[in-house]
Amino acid sequence: MKISYNWLQNYFEEKLPSPEKISEAIVFHAFEVEEVYKVGDDTIFDIKILPDRAHDCLSHWGIAKELSAIFDLKIKDENYKIFEP
């Protein structure tokens, strides 16, 4: 599953940790990060979502909720804007 760092940031008011810290945290708490690479000014995570977690993590929203739990970050209480590059 390809996940955009910039798109994830849209779910939080606070600045997310660096892509390196996010990748490390995801590996130690939830999933395998197969690749992290840059596309323009964005960082893309290629995350291997396990079948037993597909129902809640096969989306940016699901990964944002996972990061919220890992880093104790509050998710915005509002309607979310669609990410446009």
PDB file of N, CA and C in Angstrom:
ATOM      1  N   MET A   1       0.850  -1.160   0.000  1.00  0.00           N
ATOM      2  CA  MET A   1       0.000   0.000   0.000  1.00  0.00           C
ATOM      3  C   MET A   1       0.894   1.221   0.000  1.00  0.00           C
ATOM      4  N   LYS A   2       0.698   2.103  -0.958  1.00  0.00           N
ATOM      5  CA  LYS A   2       1.468   3.335  -1.054  1.00  0.00           C
ATOM      6  C   LYS A   2       0.784   4.418  -0.216  1.00  0.00           C
ATOM      7  N   ILE A   3       1.537   5.049   0.683  1.00  0.00           N
ATOM      8  CA  ILE A   3       1.015   6.065   1.594  1.00  0.00           C
ATOM      9  C   ILE A   3       1.867   7.318   1.475  1.00  0.00           C
ATOM     10  N   SER A   4       1.212   8.458   1.287  1.00  0.00           N
ATOM     11  CA  SER A   4       1.887   9.745   1.140  1.00  0.00           C
ATOM     12  C   SER A   4       2.062  10.427   2.498  1.00  0.00           C
ATOM     13  N   TYR A   5       3.281  10.864   2.788  1.00  0.00           N
ATOM     14  CA  TYR A   5       3.570  11.609   4.019  1.00  0.00           C
ATOM     15  C   TYR A   5       2.770  12.904   4.053  1.00  0.00           C
ATOM     16  N   ASN A   6       2.746  13.639   2.941  1.00  0.00           N
ATOM     17  CA  ASN A   6       2.012  14.912   2.892  1.00  0.00           C
ATOM     18  C   ASN A   6       0.514  14.699   3.094  1.00  0.00           C
ATOM     19  N   TRP A   7      -0.014  13.644   2.552  1.00  0.00           N
ATOM     20  CA  TRP A   7      -1.440  13.358   2.716  1.00  0.00           C
ATOM     21  C   TRP A   7      -1.741  12.993   4.173  1.00  0.00           C
ATOM     22  N   LEU A   8      -0.854  12.219   4.792  1.00  0.00           N
ATOM     23  CA  LEU A   8      -1.025  11.884   6.204  1.00  0.00           C
ATOM     24  C   LEU A   8      -1.032  13.136   7.067  1.00  0.00           C
ATOM     25  N   GLN A   9      -0.170  14.097   6.724  1.00  0.00           N
ATOM     26  CA  GLN A   9      -0.093  15.339   7.501  1.00  0.00           C
ATOM     27  C   GLN A   9      -1.425  16.070   7.509  1.00  0.00           C
ATOM     28  N   ASN A  10      -2.220  15.882   6.482  1.00  0.00           N
ATOM     29  CA  ASN A  10      -3.537  16.518   6.374  1.00  0.00           C
ATOM     30  C   ASN A  10      -4.468  16.120   7.520  1.00  0.00           C
ATOM     31  N   TYR A  11      -4.244  14.979   8.145  1.00  0.00           N
ATOM     32  CA  TYR A  11      -5.092  14.492   9.228  1.00  0.00           C
ATOM     33  C   TYR A  11      -4.713  15.041  10.605  1.00  0.00           C
ATOM     34  N   PHE A  12      -3.577  15.729  10.707  1.00  0.00           N
ATOM     35  CA  PHE A  12      -3.063  16.184  11.997  1.00  0.00           C
ATOM     36  C   PHE A  12      -2.790  17.684  11.987  1.00  0.00           C
ATOM     37  N   GLU A  13      -3.022  18.337  13.128  1.00  0.00           N
ATOM     38  CA  GLU A  13      -2.643  19.743  13.271  1.00  0.00           C
ATOM     39  C   GLU A  13      -1.156  19.849  13.595  1.00  0.00           C
ATOM     40  N   GLU A  14      -0.679  18.964  14.454  1.00  0.00           N
ATOM     41  CA  GLU A  14       0.732  18.958  14.810  1.00  0.00           C
ATOM     42  C   GLU A  14       1.556  18.418  13.641  1.00  0.00           C
ATOM     43  N   LYS A  15       2.808  18.859  13.575  1.00  0.00           N
ATOM     44  CA  LYS A  15       3.712  18.357  12.555  1.00  0.00           C
ATOM     45  C   LYS A  15       4.046  16.900  12.863  1.00  0.00           C
ATOM     46  N   LEU A  16       3.948  16.059  11.853  1.00  0.00           N
ATOM     47  CA  LEU A  16       4.310  14.652  12.011  1.00  0.00           C
ATOM     48  C   LEU A  16       5.820  14.526  12.211  1.00  0.00           C
ATOM     49  N   PRO A  17       6.257  13.469  12.874  1.00  0.00           N
ATOM     50  CA  PRO A  17       7.702  13.201  12.951  1.00  0.00           C
ATOM     51  C   PRO A  17       8.271  13.001  11.545  1.00  0.00           C
ATOM     52  N   SER A  18       9.564  12.967  11.446  1.00  0.00           N
ATOM     53  CA  SER A  18      10.219  12.793  10.148  1.00  0.00           C
ATOM     54  C   SER A  18       9.803  11.471   9.516  1.00  0.00           C
ATOM     55  N   PRO A  19       9.880  11.377   8.199  1.00  0.00           N
ATOM     56  CA  PRO A  19       9.552  10.110   7.527  1.00  0.00           C
ATOM     57  C   PRO A  19      10.367   8.927   8.058  1.00  0.00           C
ATOM     58  N   GLU A  20      11.624   9.181   8.419  1.00  0.00           N
ATOM     59  CA  GLU A  20      12.464   8.110   8.943  1.00  0.00           C
ATOM     60  C   GLU A  20      11.913   7.582  10.269  1.00  0.00           C
ATOM     61  N   LYS A  21      11.484   8.501  11.157  1.00  0.00           N
ATOM     62  CA  LYS A  21      10.926   8.082  12.446  1.00  0.00           C
ATOM     63  C   LYS A  21       9.590   7.358  12.260  1.00  0.00           C
ATOM     64  N   ILE A  22       8.786   7.838  11.315  1.00  0.00           N
ATOM     65  CA  ILE A  22       7.507   7.172  11.042  1.00  0.00           C
ATOM     66  C   ILE A  22       7.753   5.760  10.527  1.00  0.00           C
ATOM     67  N   SER A  23       8.671   5.625   9.594  1.00  0.00           N
ATOM     68  CA  SER A  23       8.979   4.309   9.033  1.00  0.00           C
ATOM     69  C   SER A  23       9.451   3.351  10.127  1.00  0.00           C
ATOM     70  N   GLU A  24      10.343   3.817  10.974  1.00  0.00           N
ATOM     71  CA  GLU A  24      10.860   2.991  12.065  1.00  0.00           C
ATOM     72  C   GLU A  24       9.746   2.592  13.038  1.00  0.00           C
ATOM     73  N   ALA A  25       8.890   3.540  13.370  1.00  0.00           N
ATOM     74  CA  ALA A  25       7.794   3.262  14.314  1.00  0.00           C
ATOM     75  C   ALA A  25       6.798   2.260  13.735  1.00  0.00           C
ATOM     76  N   ILE A  26       6.486   2.398  12.453  1.00  0.00           N
ATOM     77  CA  ILE A  26       5.556   1.470  11.815  1.00  0.00           C
ATOM     78  C   ILE A  26       6.121   0.055  11.833  1.00  0.00           C
ATOM     79  N   VAL A  27       7.417  -0.064  11.552  1.00  0.00           N
ATOM     80  CA  VAL A  27       8.053  -1.384  11.549  1.00  0.00           C
ATOM     81  C   VAL A  27       8.009  -2.010  12.940  1.00  0.00           C
ATOM     82  N   PHE A  28       8.276  -1.235  13.978  1.00  0.00           N
ATOM     83  CA  PHE A  28       8.331  -1.798  15.336  1.00  0.00           C
ATOM     84  C   PHE A  28       6.964  -1.989  15.973  1.00  0.00           C
ATOM     85  N   HIS A  29       5.927  -1.325  15.449  1.00  0.00           N
ATOM     86  CA  HIS A  29       4.613  -1.410  16.083  1.00  0.00           C
ATOM     87  C   HIS A  29       3.538  -2.107  15.256  1.00  0.00           C
ATOM     88  N   ALA A  30       3.692  -2.154  13.936  1.00  0.00           N
ATOM     89  CA  ALA A  30       2.543  -2.628  13.177  1.00  0.00           C
ATOM     90  C   ALA A  30       2.886  -3.445  11.930  1.00  0.00           C
ATOM     91  N   PHE A  31       3.578  -2.846  10.974  1.00  0.00           N
ATOM     92  CA  PHE A  31       3.711  -3.446   9.649  1.00  0.00           C
ATOM     93  C   PHE A  31       5.144  -3.371   9.134  1.00  0.00           C
ATOM     94  N   GLU A  32       5.373  -4.068   8.041  1.00  0.00           N
ATOM     95  CA  GLU A  32       6.653  -3.994   7.354  1.00  0.00           C
ATOM     96  C   GLU A  32       6.607  -2.836   6.358  1.00  0.00           C
ATOM     97  N   VAL A  33       7.611  -1.976   6.404  1.00  0.00           N
ATOM     98  CA  VAL A  33       7.743  -0.910   5.415  1.00  0.00           C
ATOM     99  C   VAL A  33       8.720  -1.431   4.372  1.00  0.00           C
ATOM    100  N   GLU A  34       8.204  -1.699   3.185  1.00  0.00           N
ATOM    101  CA  GLU A  34       9.029  -2.306   2.143  1.00  0.00           C
ATOM    102  C   GLU A  34       9.952  -1.298   1.470  1.00  0.00           C
ATOM    103  N   GLU A  35       9.501  -0.043   1.370  1.00  0.00           N
ATOM    104  CA  GLU A  35      10.299   0.974   0.682  1.00  0.00           C
ATOM    105  C   GLU A  35       9.829   2.356   1.116  1.00  0.00           C
ATOM    106  N   VAL A  36      10.771   3.297   1.173  1.00  0.00           N
ATOM    107  CA  VAL A  36      10.469   4.704   1.415  1.00  0.00           C
ATOM    108  C   VAL A  36      11.218   5.481   0.339  1.00  0.00           C
ATOM    109  N   TYR A  37      10.497   6.307  -0.412  1.00  0.00           N
ATOM    110  CA  TYR A  37      11.152   7.060  -1.478  1.00  0.00           C
ATOM    111  C   TYR A  37      10.498   8.426  -1.661  1.00  0.00           C
ATOM    112  N   LYS A  38      11.234   9.319  -2.292  1.00  0.00           N
ATOM    113  CA  LYS A  38      10.776  10.688  -2.528  1.00  0.00           C
ATOM    114  C   LYS A  38      10.148  10.806  -3.912  1.00  0.00           C
ATOM    115  N   VAL A  39       9.079  11.592  -3.975  1.00  0.00           N
ATOM    116  CA  VAL A  39       8.448  11.974  -5.247  1.00  0.00           C
ATOM    117  C   VAL A  39       8.208  13.478  -5.139  1.00  0.00           C
ATOM    118  N   GLY A  40       9.023  14.256  -5.814  1.00  0.00           N
ATOM    119  CA  GLY A  40       8.923  15.703  -5.684  1.00  0.00           C
ATOM    120  C   GLY A  40       9.227  16.120  -4.253  1.00  0.00           C
ATOM    121  N   ASP A  41       8.299  16.855  -3.631  1.00  0.00           N
ATOM    122  CA  ASP A  41       8.488  17.287  -2.240  1.00  0.00           C
ATOM    123  C   ASP A  41       7.773  16.368  -1.244  1.00  0.00           C
ATOM    124  N   ASP A  42       7.372  15.196  -1.672  1.00  0.00           N
ATOM    125  CA  ASP A  42       6.647  14.256  -0.822  1.00  0.00           C
ATOM    126  C   ASP A  42       7.495  13.005  -0.590  1.00  0.00           C
ATOM    127  N   THR A  43       7.194  12.314   0.479  1.00  0.00           N
ATOM    128  CA  THR A  43       7.804  11.017   0.777  1.00  0.00           C
ATOM    129  C   THR A  43       6.701   9.965   0.721  1.00  0.00           C
ATOM    130  N   ILE A  44       6.970   8.872   0.042  1.00  0.00           N
ATOM    131  CA  ILE A  44       6.004   7.795  -0.120  1.00  0.00           C
ATOM    132  C   ILE A  44       6.493   6.570   0.640  1.00  0.00           C
ATOM    133  N   PHE A  45       5.584   5.998   1.441  1.00  0.00           N
ATOM    134  CA  PHE A  45       5.864   4.760   2.160  1.00  0.00           C
ATOM    135  C   PHE A  45       5.157   3.629   1.430  1.00  0.00           C
ATOM    136  N   ASP A  46       5.873   2.558   1.159  1.00  0.00           N
ATOM    137  CA  ASP A  46       5.252   1.349   0.618  1.00  0.00           C
ATOM    138  C   ASP A  46       5.151   0.378   1.780  1.00  0.00           C
ATOM    139  N   ILE A  47       3.938   0.252   2.321  1.00  0.00           N
ATOM    140  CA  ILE A  47       3.711  -0.520   3.538  1.00  0.00           C
ATOM    141  C   ILE A  47       3.002  -1.825   3.206  1.00  0.00           C
ATOM    142  N   LYS A  48       3.525  -2.907   3.748  1.00  0.00           N
ATOM    143  CA  LYS A  48       2.905  -4.217   3.551  1.00  0.00           C
ATOM    144  C   LYS A  48       1.878  -4.426   4.667  1.00  0.00           C
ATOM    145  N   ILE A  49       0.612  -4.283   4.323  1.00  0.00           N
ATOM    146  CA  ILE A  49      -0.479  -4.447   5.283  1.00  0.00           C
ATOM    147  C   ILE A  49      -0.831  -5.934   5.361  1.00  0.00           C
ATOM    148  N   LEU A  50      -0.840  -6.458   6.552  1.00  0.00           N
ATOM    149  CA  LEU A  50      -1.168  -7.866   6.741  1.00  0.00           C
ATOM    150  C   LEU A  50      -2.665  -8.106   6.549  1.00  0.00           C
ATOM    151  N   PRO A  51      -3.056  -9.289   6.080  1.00  0.00           N
ATOM    152  CA  PRO A  51      -4.472  -9.570   5.816  1.00  0.00           C
ATOM    153  C   PRO A  51      -5.390  -9.359   7.017  1.00  0.00           C
ATOM    154  N   ASP A  52      -4.904  -9.640   8.214  1.00  0.00           N
ATOM    155  CA  ASP A  52      -5.758  -9.479   9.392  1.00  0.00           C
ATOM    156  C   ASP A  52      -5.964  -8.015   9.789  1.00  0.00           C
ATOM    157  N   ARG A  53      -5.231  -7.086   9.169  1.00  0.00           N
ATOM    158  CA  ARG A  53      -5.388  -5.663   9.456  1.00  0.00           C
ATOM    159  C   ARG A  53      -5.930  -4.888   8.255  1.00  0.00           C
ATOM    160  N   ALA A  54      -6.277  -5.592   7.188  1.00  0.00           N
ATOM    161  CA  ALA A  54      -6.762  -4.931   5.969  1.00  0.00           C
ATOM    162  C   ALA A  54      -8.029  -4.129   6.231  1.00  0.00           C
ATOM    163  N   HIS A  55      -8.898  -4.599   7.094  1.00  0.00           N
ATOM    164  CA  HIS A  55     -10.180  -3.932   7.346  1.00  0.00           C
ATOM    165  C   HIS A  55     -10.010  -2.546   7.960  1.00  0.00           C
ATOM    166  N   ASP A  56      -8.876  -2.278   8.633  1.00  0.00           N
ATOM    167  CA  ASP A  56      -8.733  -0.971   9.274  1.00  0.00           C
ATOM    168  C   ASP A  56      -7.522  -0.161   8.810  1.00  0.00           C
ATOM    169  N   CYS A  57      -6.654  -0.735   8.003  1.00  0.00           N
ATOM    170  CA  CYS A  57      -5.437  -0.002   7.640  1.00  0.00           C
ATOM    171  C   CYS A  57      -5.147   0.105   6.148  1.00  0.00           C
ATOM    172  N   LEU A  58      -6.058  -0.318   5.298  1.00  0.00           N
ATOM    173  CA  LEU A  58      -5.814  -0.194   3.855  1.00  0.00           C
ATOM    174  C   LEU A  58      -6.291   1.152   3.329  1.00  0.00           C
ATOM    175  N   SER A  59      -5.896   2.227   4.020  1.00  0.00           N
ATOM    176  CA  SER A  59      -6.224   3.581   3.587  1.00  0.00           C
ATOM    177  C   SER A  59      -5.326   4.565   4.328  1.00  0.00           C
ATOM    178  N   HIS A  60      -5.260   5.792   3.818  1.00  0.00           N
ATOM    179  CA  HIS A  60      -4.521   6.830   4.524  1.00  0.00           C
ATOM    180  C   HIS A  60      -5.144   7.077   5.897  1.00  0.00           C
ATOM    181  N   TRP A  61      -6.475   7.066   5.969  1.00  0.00           N
ATOM    182  CA  TRP A  61      -7.180   7.273   7.231  1.00  0.00           C
ATOM    183  C   TRP A  61      -6.770   6.205   8.252  1.00  0.00           C
ATOM    184  N   GLY A  62      -6.700   4.961   7.842  1.00  0.00           N
ATOM    185  CA  GLY A  62      -6.318   3.880   8.739  1.00  0.00           C
ATOM    186  C   GLY A  62      -4.893   4.018   9.247  1.00  0.00           C
ATOM    187  N   ILE A  63      -3.981   4.383   8.355  1.00  0.00           N
ATOM    188  CA  ILE A  63      -2.588   4.582   8.763  1.00  0.00           C
ATOM    189  C   ILE A  63      -2.486   5.805   9.666  1.00  0.00           C
ATOM    190  N   ALA A  64      -3.264   6.854   9.396  1.00  0.00           N
ATOM    191  CA  ALA A  64      -3.271   8.041  10.269  1.00  0.00           C
ATOM    192  C   ALA A  64      -3.726   7.654  11.677  1.00  0.00           C
ATOM    193  N   LYS A  65      -4.746   6.814  11.782  1.00  0.00           N
ATOM    194  CA  LYS A  65      -5.201   6.368  13.102  1.00  0.00           C
ATOM    195  C   LYS A  65      -4.114   5.551  13.804  1.00  0.00           C
ATOM    196  N   GLU A  66      -3.409   4.736  13.037  1.00  0.00           N
ATOM    197  CA  GLU A  66      -2.312   3.947  13.603  1.00  0.00           C
ATOM    198  C   GLU A  66      -1.204   4.860  14.118  1.00  0.00           C
ATOM    199  N   LEU A  67      -0.827   5.874  13.332  1.00  0.00           N
ATOM    200  CA  LEU A  67       0.206   6.824  13.751  1.00  0.00           C
ATOM    201  C   LEU A  67      -0.247   7.637  14.958  1.00  0.00           C
ATOM    202  N   SER A  68      -1.527   7.952  15.000  1.00  0.00           N
ATOM    203  CA  SER A  68      -2.081   8.675  16.145  1.00  0.00           C
ATOM    204  C   SER A  68      -1.859   7.877  17.427  1.00  0.00           C
ATOM    205  N   ALA A  69      -2.068   6.584  17.371  1.00  0.00           N
ATOM    206  CA  ALA A  69      -1.872   5.729  18.543  1.00  0.00           C
ATOM    207  C   ALA A  69      -0.389   5.565  18.879  1.00  0.00           C
ATOM    208  N   ILE A  70       0.438   5.394  17.870  1.00  0.00           N
ATOM    209  CA  ILE A  70       1.869   5.175  18.100  1.00  0.00           C
ATOM    210  C   ILE A  70       2.531   6.416  18.694  1.00  0.00           C
ATOM    211  N   PHE A  71       2.237   7.596  18.118  1.00  0.00           N
ATOM    212  CA  PHE A  71       2.920   8.833  18.532  1.00  0.00           C
ATOM    213  C   PHE A  71       2.093   9.696  19.482  1.00  0.00           C
ATOM    214  N   ASP A  72       0.927   9.217  19.892  1.00  0.00           N
ATOM    215  CA  ASP A  72       0.036   9.967  20.777  1.00  0.00           C
ATOM    216  C   ASP A  72      -0.277  11.356  20.189  1.00  0.00           C
ATOM    217  N   LEU A  73      -0.659  11.364  18.905  1.00  0.00           N
ATOM    218  CA  LEU A  73      -1.040  12.601  18.205  1.00  0.00           C
ATOM    219  C   LEU A  73      -2.549  12.653  18.067  1.00  0.00           C
ATOM    220  N   LYS A  74      -3.101  13.846  18.209  1.00  0.00           N
ATOM    221  CA  LYS A  74      -4.547  14.019  18.075  1.00  0.00           C
ATOM    222  C   LYS A  74      -4.911  14.202  16.607  1.00  0.00           C
ATOM    223  N   ILE A  75      -5.902  13.455  16.147  1.00  0.00           N
ATOM    224  CA  ILE A  75      -6.405  13.602  14.782  1.00  0.00           C
ATOM    225  C   ILE A  75      -7.373  14.783  14.765  1.00  0.00           C
ATOM    226  N   LYS A  76      -7.328  15.571  13.693  1.00  0.00           N
ATOM    227  CA  LYS A  76      -8.208  16.732  13.562  1.00  0.00           C
ATOM    228  C   LYS A  76      -9.673  16.337  13.682  1.00  0.00           C
ATOM    229  N   ASP A  77     -10.460  17.206  14.295  1.00  0.00           N
ATOM    230  CA  ASP A  77     -11.906  17.009  14.410  1.00  0.00           C
ATOM    231  C   ASP A  77     -12.614  17.870  13.375  1.00  0.00           C
ATOM    232  N   GLU A  78     -12.457  17.547  12.120  1.00  0.00           N
ATOM    233  CA  GLU A  78     -13.083  18.337  11.065  1.00  0.00           C
ATOM    234  C   GLU A  78     -13.236  17.502   9.805  1.00  0.00           C
ATOM    235  N   ASN A  79     -13.890  18.063   8.849  1.00  0.00           N
ATOM    236  CA  ASN A  79     -13.964  17.414   7.537  1.00  0.00           C
ATOM    237  C   ASN A  79     -12.611  17.562   6.877  1.00  0.00           C
ATOM    238  N   TYR A  80     -12.163  16.516   6.237  1.00  0.00           N
ATOM    239  CA  TYR A  80     -10.833  16.510   5.645  1.00  0.00           C
ATOM    240  C   TYR A  80     -10.872  16.933   4.198  1.00  0.00           C
ATOM    241  N   LYS A  81      -9.862  17.692   3.802  1.00  0.00           N
ATOM    242  CA  LYS A  81      -9.733  18.140   2.421  1.00  0.00           C
ATOM    243  C   LYS A  81      -9.110  17.030   1.598  1.00  0.00           C
ATOM    244  N   ILE A  82      -9.482  16.961   0.361  1.00  0.00           N
ATOM    245  CA  ILE A  82      -8.865  16.000  -0.539  1.00  0.00           C
ATOM    246  C   ILE A  82      -7.488  16.532  -0.904  1.00  0.00           C
ATOM    247  N   PHE A  83      -6.469  15.680  -0.792  1.00  0.00           N
ATOM    248  CA  PHE A  83      -5.103  16.067  -1.114  1.00  0.00           C
ATOM    249  C   PHE A  83      -4.973  16.262  -2.612  1.00  0.00           C
ATOM    250  N   GLU A  84      -4.481  17.423  -2.991  1.00  0.00           N
ATOM    251  CA  GLU A  84      -4.208  17.690  -4.408  1.00  0.00           C
ATOM    252  C   GLU A  84      -2.759  18.125  -4.519  1.00  0.00           C
ATOM    253  N   PRO A  85      -1.952  17.408  -5.286  1.00  0.00           N
ATOM    254  CA  PRO A  85      -0.520  17.746  -5.408  1.00  0.00           C
ATOM    255  C   PRO A  85      -0.289  19.105  -6.027  1.00  0.00           C
TER     256      PRO A  85
END
